[in-house]
């Protein structure tokens, strides 16, 4: 499973909230930059409004760095493929957000 949580940033004032867009997440192979597994997580009007809100949640008198709710893909890649295809290296996986498209 892979989940994306919106985090506070210096350009938050410039964005339209609740956030609407597509976030492309890639799992990179540790030996070959040409081998990736890619999935798109859509944060649009049909997804959880709570996960798309501007992250300004106050917890114990401080502003949290990220929303408590996230959106994601329950089966990004199978555990079997992580090991058979060689994505696992020293119990580490390399995930990247490669693209964010605003809707």
Protein backbone atom coordinates (compact mmCIF):
# COMPACT_ATOMS: atom_id res chain seq x y z
CA UNK A 1 0.00 0.00 0.00
CA UNK A 2 1.10 3.55 -0.72
CA UNK A 3 -0.64 6.60 0.70
CA UNK A 4 -0.06 10.31 0.08
CA UNK A 5 -0.57 12.91 2.79
CA UNK A 6 -0.66 16.63 2.00
CA UNK A 7 1.97 18.56 3.93
CA UNK A 8 2.36 22.22 4.77
CA UNK A 9 4.49 24.24 2.34
CA UNK A 10 5.54 27.80 1.66
CA UNK A 11 3.28 28.06 -1.43
CA UNK A 12 0.07 26.97 0.33
CA UNK A 13 -1.40 30.47 0.03
CA UNK A 14 -1.12 30.22 -3.77
CA UNK A 15 -3.07 26.95 -4.05
CA UNK A 16 -6.81 26.47 -4.31
CA UNK A 17 -8.24 24.42 -1.42
CA UNK A 18 -9.46 21.72 -1.07
CA UNK A 19 -6.69 20.36 -3.28
CA UNK A 20 -7.73 18.81 -6.61
CA UNK A 21 -5.16 17.03 -8.72
CA UNK A 22 -3.37 13.87 -9.72
CA UNK A 23 -0.19 12.77 -7.95
CA UNK A 24 2.08 10.35 -9.81
CA UNK A 25 4.07 8.08 -7.49
CA UNK A 26 6.95 5.91 -8.72
CA UNK A 27 8.73 2.99 -7.11
CA UNK A 28 12.27 2.93 -8.52
CA UNK A 29 14.37 -0.18 -8.97
CA UNK A 30 17.61 0.15 -6.99
CA UNK A 31 19.86 -0.96 -9.90
CA UNK A 32 18.07 0.29 -13.01
CA UNK A 33 16.60 3.77 -13.43
CA UNK A 34 14.58 2.37 -16.36
CA UNK A 35 12.59 -0.04 -14.18
CA UNK A 36 9.84 1.70 -12.29
CA UNK A 37 6.35 0.89 -11.13
CA UNK A 38 4.07 3.90 -11.51
CA UNK A 39 0.61 4.64 -10.13
CA UNK A 40 -1.50 7.80 -10.12
CA UNK A 41 -3.36 8.86 -6.98
CA UNK A 42 -6.30 11.10 -7.85
CA UNK A 43 -7.34 13.69 -5.32
CA UNK A 44 -10.54 15.01 -6.85
CA UNK A 45 -14.13 15.84 -5.90
CA UNK A 46 -15.04 12.17 -5.44
CA UNK A 47 -12.21 11.47 -2.97
CA UNK A 48 -12.10 12.23 0.75
CA UNK A 49 -12.54 15.95 1.38
CA UNK A 50 -10.70 15.65 4.69
CA UNK A 51 -7.55 14.33 2.97
CA UNK A 52 -7.64 17.22 0.46
CA UNK A 53 -7.89 20.08 2.97
CA UNK A 54 -5.10 22.55 3.62
CA UNK A 55 -2.89 21.05 6.35
CA UNK A 56 -3.41 23.48 9.22
CA UNK A 57 -4.53 21.01 11.86
CA UNK A 58 -3.70 22.06 15.41
CA UNK A 59 -2.62 19.19 17.66
CA UNK A 60 -1.56 19.87 21.26
CA UNK A 61 -1.22 23.63 20.64
CA UNK A 62 0.99 23.27 17.55
CA UNK A 63 0.29 23.12 13.82
CA UNK A 64 0.79 19.63 12.39
CA UNK A 65 3.12 19.21 9.39
CA UNK A 66 0.63 17.04 7.49
CA UNK A 67 -3.01 16.09 7.34
CA UNK A 68 -4.13 13.20 9.51
CA UNK A 69 -5.96 11.62 6.56
CA UNK A 70 -4.33 10.53 3.31
CA UNK A 71 -5.34 8.94 0.03
CA UNK A 72 -3.67 6.03 -1.67
CA UNK A 73 -3.57 2.73 -3.44
CA UNK A 74 -4.07 -0.41 -1.39
CA UNK A 75 -2.16 -2.59 -3.86
CA UNK A 76 0.60 -0.52 -5.43
CA UNK A 77 2.77 -3.59 -6.08
CA UNK A 78 2.63 -7.10 -4.65
CA UNK A 79 5.09 -8.12 -1.94
CA UNK A 80 6.19 -10.96 -4.21
CA UNK A 81 7.08 -8.56 -7.05
CA UNK A 82 9.05 -6.31 -4.70
CA UNK A 83 11.43 -9.18 -3.99
CA UNK A 84 11.34 -11.12 -7.28
CA UNK A 85 11.75 -8.01 -9.46
CA UNK A 86 14.52 -6.65 -7.21
CA UNK A 87 12.94 -3.44 -5.95
CA UNK A 88 13.96 -4.26 -2.37
CA UNK A 89 17.52 -3.37 -1.44
CA UNK A 90 18.67 -3.78 2.17
CA UNK A 91 15.01 -3.58 3.26
CA UNK A 92 14.62 -0.18 1.58
CA UNK A 93 12.29 0.95 -1.19
CA UNK A 94 12.74 4.18 -3.20
CA UNK A 95 9.47 6.02 -3.81
CA UNK A 96 9.28 9.35 -5.63
CA UNK A 97 6.52 11.77 -6.44
CA UNK A 98 7.35 12.38 -10.08
CA UNK A 99 4.46 14.65 -11.08
CA UNK A 100 1.64 16.70 -9.60
CA UNK A 101 -1.09 17.82 -12.02
CA UNK A 102 -3.59 20.35 -10.76
CA UNK A 103 -7.19 19.97 -11.90
